[in-house]
Amino acid sequence: MSPSHNFEEMYLVLYGASATNKYHGAKYDVIKRWFEECKIIDNVAVTERFFEITYSRVRVNKEDLTQSQFVIFLCLLAREARKDIDEFFTKFHCIKDMIIEEIRRNPRCDSNKKSEYNT
């Protein structure tokens, strides 16, 4: 699997978990939640504060990340923590199916719902 595919897959899963009626990318809280769950935020090399500071280098006010911003963020996080980015992909891969299952159980986007105005 190519590194760009890993970036894309990770982003698309987090983007899907971020879905609301109005969303423009992967949300800060969603990324943080799942990075804690899979131990990318391990409170050793990557602490919550370190995560927050690194995120703010890409999006100052915790705004949603586009795919290209997510790639930049993840690369910065790995470089500054002196971690191999493949370690992040491996950790995330362990919880990917759990995230997808949660998305399936709790759809947040109403785009597929029939509008009450369409009669």
N, C-alpha and C. Protein backbone atom coordinates (compact mmCIF):
# COMPACT_ATOMS: atom_id res chain seq x y z
N MET A 1 0.85 -1.17 0.00
CA MET A 1 0.00 0.00 0.00
C MET A 1 0.90 1.23 0.00
N SER A 2 0.65 2.15 -0.89
CA SER A 2 1.49 3.34 -1.01
C SER A 2 1.18 4.32 0.12
N PRO A 3 2.18 5.12 0.51
CA PRO A 3 1.95 6.12 1.56
C PRO A 3 0.80 7.07 1.25
N SER A 4 0.66 7.49 0.01
CA SER A 4 -0.42 8.42 -0.32
C SER A 4 -1.78 7.76 -0.11
N HIS A 5 -1.84 6.44 -0.36
CA HIS A 5 -3.09 5.72 -0.13
C HIS A 5 -3.41 5.68 1.37
N ASN A 6 -2.38 5.51 2.20
CA ASN A 6 -2.58 5.52 3.65
C ASN A 6 -3.12 6.87 4.12
N PHE A 7 -2.55 7.95 3.62
CA PHE A 7 -3.04 9.29 3.96
C PHE A 7 -4.50 9.44 3.56
N GLU A 8 -4.79 9.05 2.33
CA GLU A 8 -6.15 9.22 1.81
C GLU A 8 -7.15 8.38 2.60
N GLU A 9 -6.81 7.14 2.86
CA GLU A 9 -7.71 6.26 3.60
C GLU A 9 -7.96 6.80 5.01
N MET A 10 -6.91 7.20 5.70
CA MET A 10 -7.06 7.73 7.05
C MET A 10 -7.93 8.98 7.04
N TYR A 11 -7.67 9.87 6.09
CA TYR A 11 -8.44 11.11 6.01
C TYR A 11 -9.91 10.82 5.72
N LEU A 12 -10.18 9.96 4.75
CA LEU A 12 -11.57 9.69 4.37
C LEU A 12 -12.37 9.07 5.51
N VAL A 13 -11.75 8.23 6.30
CA VAL A 13 -12.44 7.64 7.45
C VAL A 13 -12.75 8.73 8.48
N LEU A 14 -11.77 9.58 8.78
CA LEU A 14 -11.99 10.66 9.74
C LEU A 14 -12.98 11.70 9.21
N TYR A 15 -12.92 11.95 7.93
CA TYR A 15 -13.88 12.86 7.28
C TYR A 15 -15.30 12.31 7.41
N GLY A 16 -15.46 11.03 7.16
CA GLY A 16 -16.76 10.39 7.30
C GLY A 16 -17.27 10.44 8.73
N ALA A 17 -16.37 10.28 9.69
CA ALA A 17 -16.75 10.34 11.11
C ALA A 17 -17.09 11.77 11.53
N SER A 18 -16.65 12.74 10.75
CA SER A 18 -16.89 14.16 11.05
C SER A 18 -18.20 14.67 10.47
N ALA A 19 -18.88 13.85 9.72
CA ALA A 19 -20.05 14.28 8.95
C ALA A 19 -21.15 14.87 9.81
N THR A 20 -21.63 16.02 9.38
CA THR A 20 -22.81 16.67 9.92
C THR A 20 -23.55 17.23 8.72
N ASN A 21 -24.59 17.99 8.95
CA ASN A 21 -25.29 18.59 7.81
C ASN A 21 -24.39 19.55 7.05
N LYS A 22 -23.52 20.24 7.76
CA LYS A 22 -22.59 21.16 7.11
C LYS A 22 -21.18 20.83 7.60
N TYR A 23 -20.39 20.25 6.73
CA TYR A 23 -19.02 19.97 7.10
C TYR A 23 -18.12 20.20 5.90
N HIS A 24 -16.92 20.58 6.22
CA HIS A 24 -15.99 20.95 5.16
C HIS A 24 -14.66 20.22 5.26
N GLY A 25 -14.60 19.24 6.13
CA GLY A 25 -13.36 18.51 6.29
C GLY A 25 -13.41 17.68 7.56
N ALA A 26 -12.26 17.13 7.92
CA ALA A 26 -12.16 16.35 9.15
C ALA A 26 -12.09 17.30 10.34
N LYS A 27 -12.91 17.05 11.34
CA LYS A 27 -13.03 17.93 12.49
C LYS A 27 -11.95 17.63 13.54
N TYR A 28 -11.49 18.70 14.19
CA TYR A 28 -10.49 18.63 15.25
C TYR A 28 -10.86 17.59 16.31
N ASP A 29 -12.08 17.70 16.86
CA ASP A 29 -12.49 16.81 17.95
C ASP A 29 -12.53 15.35 17.52
N VAL A 30 -12.91 15.10 16.28
CA VAL A 30 -12.98 13.73 15.77
C VAL A 30 -11.56 13.17 15.60
N ILE A 31 -10.68 13.95 15.01
CA ILE A 31 -9.29 13.50 14.84
C ILE A 31 -8.68 13.22 16.20
N LYS A 32 -8.85 14.16 17.13
CA LYS A 32 -8.26 13.99 18.46
C LYS A 32 -8.82 12.75 19.15
N ARG A 33 -10.12 12.56 19.11
CA ARG A 33 -10.74 11.40 19.76
C ARG A 33 -10.14 10.09 19.26
N TRP A 34 -10.08 9.94 17.94
CA TRP A 34 -9.61 8.67 17.40
C TRP A 34 -8.10 8.52 17.50
N PHE A 35 -7.35 9.62 17.49
CA PHE A 35 -5.91 9.53 17.70
C PHE A 35 -5.61 9.13 19.14
N GLU A 36 -6.44 9.55 20.08
CA GLU A 36 -6.28 9.08 21.47
C GLU A 36 -6.63 7.60 21.56
N GLU A 37 -7.70 7.21 20.91
CA GLU A 37 -8.17 5.82 20.95
C GLU A 37 -7.12 4.84 20.42
N CYS A 38 -6.45 5.22 19.35
CA CYS A 38 -5.46 4.30 18.75
C CYS A 38 -4.04 4.54 19.25
N LYS A 39 -3.91 5.45 20.19
CA LYS A 39 -2.63 5.74 20.85
C LYS A 39 -1.61 6.45 19.97
N ILE A 40 -2.07 7.15 18.93
CA ILE A 40 -1.16 8.09 18.26
C ILE A 40 -0.85 9.19 19.27
N ILE A 41 -1.90 9.66 19.96
CA ILE A 41 -1.69 10.53 21.13
C ILE A 41 -1.43 9.56 22.28
N ASP A 42 -0.15 9.40 22.59
CA ASP A 42 0.27 8.39 23.57
C ASP A 42 0.68 9.00 24.90
N ASN A 43 0.65 10.33 25.00
CA ASN A 43 1.06 11.07 26.19
C ASN A 43 2.52 10.84 26.57
N VAL A 44 3.29 10.40 25.59
CA VAL A 44 4.74 10.29 25.75
C VAL A 44 5.37 11.16 24.66
N ALA A 45 5.42 10.65 23.45
CA ALA A 45 5.96 11.44 22.33
C ALA A 45 4.94 12.45 21.83
N VAL A 46 3.67 12.05 21.82
CA VAL A 46 2.60 12.94 21.36
C VAL A 46 1.60 13.11 22.50
N THR A 47 1.68 14.27 23.15
CA THR A 47 0.73 14.60 24.22
C THR A 47 -0.45 15.35 23.63
N GLU A 48 -1.50 15.54 24.43
CA GLU A 48 -2.65 16.33 23.96
C GLU A 48 -2.22 17.74 23.59
N ARG A 49 -1.37 18.33 24.41
CA ARG A 49 -0.90 19.70 24.15
C ARG A 49 -0.07 19.74 22.86
N PHE A 50 0.79 18.76 22.68
CA PHE A 50 1.61 18.68 21.47
C PHE A 50 0.73 18.55 20.24
N PHE A 51 -0.30 17.71 20.34
CA PHE A 51 -1.28 17.56 19.26
C PHE A 51 -1.93 18.90 18.94
N GLU A 52 -2.38 19.60 19.98
CA GLU A 52 -3.06 20.89 19.80
C GLU A 52 -2.15 21.93 19.16
N ILE A 53 -0.92 22.02 19.62
CA ILE A 53 0.03 22.99 19.06
C ILE A 53 0.32 22.67 17.60
N THR A 54 0.55 21.40 17.30
CA THR A 54 0.84 21.00 15.92
C THR A 54 -0.36 21.27 15.02
N TYR A 55 -1.56 20.97 15.49
CA TYR A 55 -2.78 21.23 14.73
C TYR A 55 -2.91 22.72 14.43
N SER A 56 -2.61 23.55 15.44
CA SER A 56 -2.76 25.01 15.27
C SER A 56 -1.76 25.58 14.27
N ARG A 57 -0.71 24.85 13.98
CA ARG A 57 0.23 25.30 12.94
C ARG A 57 -0.39 25.19 11.55
N VAL A 58 -1.39 24.33 11.42
CA VAL A 58 -2.06 24.13 10.13
C VAL A 58 -3.38 24.89 10.09
N ARG A 59 -4.15 24.83 11.17
CA ARG A 59 -5.45 25.52 11.27
C ARG A 59 -5.53 26.18 12.64
N VAL A 60 -5.40 27.49 12.67
CA VAL A 60 -5.25 28.25 13.91
C VAL A 60 -6.40 28.05 14.90
N ASN A 61 -7.62 28.09 14.45
CA ASN A 61 -8.77 28.05 15.35
C ASN A 61 -9.47 26.69 15.37
N LYS A 62 -8.72 25.64 15.18
CA LYS A 62 -9.25 24.27 15.19
C LYS A 62 -10.32 24.05 14.12
N GLU A 63 -10.18 24.77 13.02
CA GLU A 63 -11.12 24.57 11.91
C GLU A 63 -10.90 23.19 11.30
N ASP A 64 -11.89 22.75 10.52
CA ASP A 64 -11.81 21.46 9.84
C ASP A 64 -10.61 21.43 8.90
N LEU A 65 -10.04 20.24 8.74
CA LEU A 65 -8.90 20.06 7.84
C LEU A 65 -9.36 19.50 6.50
N THR A 66 -8.85 20.09 5.43
CA THR A 66 -9.02 19.50 4.11
C THR A 66 -8.04 18.33 4.03
N GLN A 67 -8.12 17.56 2.96
CA GLN A 67 -7.21 16.42 2.83
C GLN A 67 -5.76 16.87 2.77
N SER A 68 -5.46 17.91 2.01
CA SER A 68 -4.06 18.36 1.91
C SER A 68 -3.58 18.92 3.24
N GLN A 69 -4.44 19.61 3.98
CA GLN A 69 -4.05 20.11 5.30
C GLN A 69 -3.83 18.95 6.28
N PHE A 70 -4.63 17.90 6.15
CA PHE A 70 -4.46 16.73 7.01
C PHE A 70 -3.11 16.08 6.76
N VAL A 71 -2.71 15.96 5.51
CA VAL A 71 -1.41 15.38 5.17
C VAL A 71 -0.29 16.21 5.80
N ILE A 72 -0.39 17.53 5.67
CA ILE A 72 0.62 18.43 6.27
C ILE A 72 0.65 18.24 7.78
N PHE A 73 -0.53 18.22 8.40
CA PHE A 73 -0.63 18.05 9.86
C PHE A 73 0.01 16.74 10.30
N LEU A 74 -0.33 15.65 9.64
CA LEU A 74 0.19 14.34 10.04
C LEU A 74 1.71 14.27 9.86
N CYS A 75 2.21 14.85 8.78
CA CYS A 75 3.67 14.88 8.56
C CYS A 75 4.37 15.71 9.63
N LEU A 76 3.80 16.86 9.97
CA LEU A 76 4.36 17.70 11.03
C LEU A 76 4.36 16.95 12.36
N LEU A 77 3.25 16.30 12.66
CA LEU A 77 3.13 15.57 13.92
C LEU A 77 4.20 14.48 14.01
N ALA A 78 4.38 13.73 12.95
CA ALA A 78 5.38 12.66 12.94
C ALA A 78 6.79 13.23 13.03
N ARG A 79 7.07 14.25 12.25
CA ARG A 79 8.41 14.83 12.25
C ARG A 79 8.77 15.42 13.61
N GLU A 80 7.86 16.23 14.16
CA GLU A 80 8.15 16.89 15.43
C GLU A 80 8.22 15.90 16.60
N ALA A 81 7.48 14.81 16.51
CA ALA A 81 7.51 13.78 17.56
C ALA A 81 8.63 12.77 17.32
N ARG A 82 9.31 12.92 16.19
CA ARG A 82 10.37 11.99 15.79
C ARG A 82 9.85 10.55 15.71
N LYS A 83 8.71 10.43 15.05
CA LYS A 83 8.08 9.13 14.85
C LYS A 83 8.04 8.82 13.36
N ASP A 84 8.10 7.54 13.03
CA ASP A 84 7.93 7.10 11.66
C ASP A 84 6.44 7.17 11.35
N ILE A 85 6.09 7.82 10.28
CA ILE A 85 4.67 8.00 9.94
C ILE A 85 3.96 6.66 9.74
N ASP A 86 4.69 5.64 9.32
CA ASP A 86 4.09 4.31 9.17
C ASP A 86 3.56 3.78 10.51
N GLU A 87 4.18 4.19 11.60
CA GLU A 87 3.70 3.80 12.93
C GLU A 87 2.29 4.37 13.16
N PHE A 88 2.07 5.61 12.72
CA PHE A 88 0.75 6.22 12.84
C PHE A 88 -0.27 5.46 12.00
N PHE A 89 0.12 5.10 10.77
CA PHE A 89 -0.79 4.36 9.90
C PHE A 89 -1.15 3.00 10.51
N THR A 90 -0.16 2.32 11.08
CA THR A 90 -0.39 1.02 11.70
C THR A 90 -1.34 1.13 12.88
N LYS A 91 -1.11 2.12 13.73
CA LYS A 91 -1.99 2.31 14.89
C LYS A 91 -3.41 2.64 14.44
N PHE A 92 -3.54 3.51 13.46
CA PHE A 92 -4.87 3.90 12.99
C PHE A 92 -5.58 2.72 12.34
N HIS A 93 -4.84 1.92 11.60
CA HIS A 93 -5.44 0.76 10.92
C HIS A 93 -6.13 -0.18 11.92
N CYS A 94 -5.60 -0.25 13.13
CA CYS A 94 -6.18 -1.13 14.16
C CYS A 94 -7.58 -0.69 14.59
N ILE A 95 -7.92 0.58 14.42
CA ILE A 95 -9.25 1.05 14.84
C ILE A 95 -10.13 1.49 13.67
N LYS A 96 -9.61 1.42 12.48
CA LYS A 96 -10.35 1.88 11.30
C LYS A 96 -11.72 1.23 11.19
N ASP A 97 -11.79 -0.08 11.33
CA ASP A 97 -13.06 -0.78 11.21
C ASP A 97 -14.05 -0.36 12.30
N MET A 98 -13.54 -0.08 13.49
CA MET A 98 -14.39 0.37 14.59
C MET A 98 -15.01 1.73 14.26
N ILE A 99 -14.23 2.62 13.67
CA ILE A 99 -14.74 3.94 13.27
C ILE A 99 -15.81 3.79 12.20
N ILE A 100 -15.52 2.96 11.21
CA ILE A 100 -16.48 2.75 10.11
C ILE A 100 -17.78 2.16 10.65
N GLU A 101 -17.67 1.23 11.58
CA GLU A 101 -18.87 0.64 12.19
C GLU A 101 -19.67 1.70 12.95
N GLU A 102 -18.98 2.57 13.65
CA GLU A 102 -19.68 3.65 14.37
C GLU A 102 -20.39 4.59 13.41
N ILE A 103 -19.75 4.88 12.29
CA ILE A 103 -20.38 5.73 11.27
C ILE A 103 -21.65 5.06 10.76
N ARG A 104 -21.59 3.77 10.52
CA ARG A 104 -22.76 3.02 10.02
C ARG A 104 -23.90 3.01 11.04
N ARG A 105 -23.57 2.84 12.30
CA ARG A 105 -24.59 2.79 13.35
C ARG A 105 -25.19 4.15 13.65
N ASN A 106 -24.40 5.20 13.51
CA ASN A 106 -24.84 6.55 13.89
C ASN A 106 -24.65 7.52 12.74
N PRO A 107 -25.41 7.38 11.67
CA PRO A 107 -25.24 8.32 10.56
C PRO A 107 -25.59 9.73 11.01
N ARG A 108 -24.70 10.67 10.72
CA ARG A 108 -24.90 12.05 11.16
C ARG A 108 -25.36 12.95 10.03
N CYS A 109 -25.20 12.49 8.83
CA CYS A 109 -25.54 13.32 7.68
C CYS A 109 -26.94 12.99 7.21
N ASP A 110 -27.77 14.00 7.09
CA ASP A 110 -29.15 13.80 6.67
C ASP A 110 -29.33 13.93 5.17
N SER A 111 -28.27 13.91 4.41
CA SER A 111 -28.37 14.14 2.97
C SER A 111 -29.16 13.05 2.26
N ASN A 112 -29.20 11.84 2.84
CA ASN A 112 -29.94 10.75 2.21
C ASN A 112 -31.40 10.69 2.68
N LYS A 113 -31.72 11.51 3.65
CA LYS A 113 -33.06 11.53 4.21
C LYS A 113 -34.00 12.30 3.29
N LYS A 114 -35.18 11.78 3.08
CA LYS A 114 -36.15 12.46 2.23
C LYS A 114 -36.64 13.72 2.92
N SER A 115 -36.62 14.80 2.22
CA SER A 115 -37.06 16.07 2.77
C SER A 115 -38.57 16.07 2.93
N GLU A 116 -39.04 16.71 4.01
CA GLU A 116 -40.48 16.83 4.21
C GLU A 116 -41.12 17.72 3.16
N TYR A 117 -40.31 18.50 2.47
CA TYR A 117 -40.82 19.41 1.44
C TYR A 117 -40.96 18.74 0.09
N ASN A 118 -40.38 17.56 -0.06
CA ASN A 118 -40.49 16.81 -1.32
C ASN A 118 -41.69 15.87 -1.23
N THR A 119 -42.83 16.35 -1.59
CA THR A 119 -44.04 15.51 -1.51
C THR A 119 -44.55 15.16 -2.87
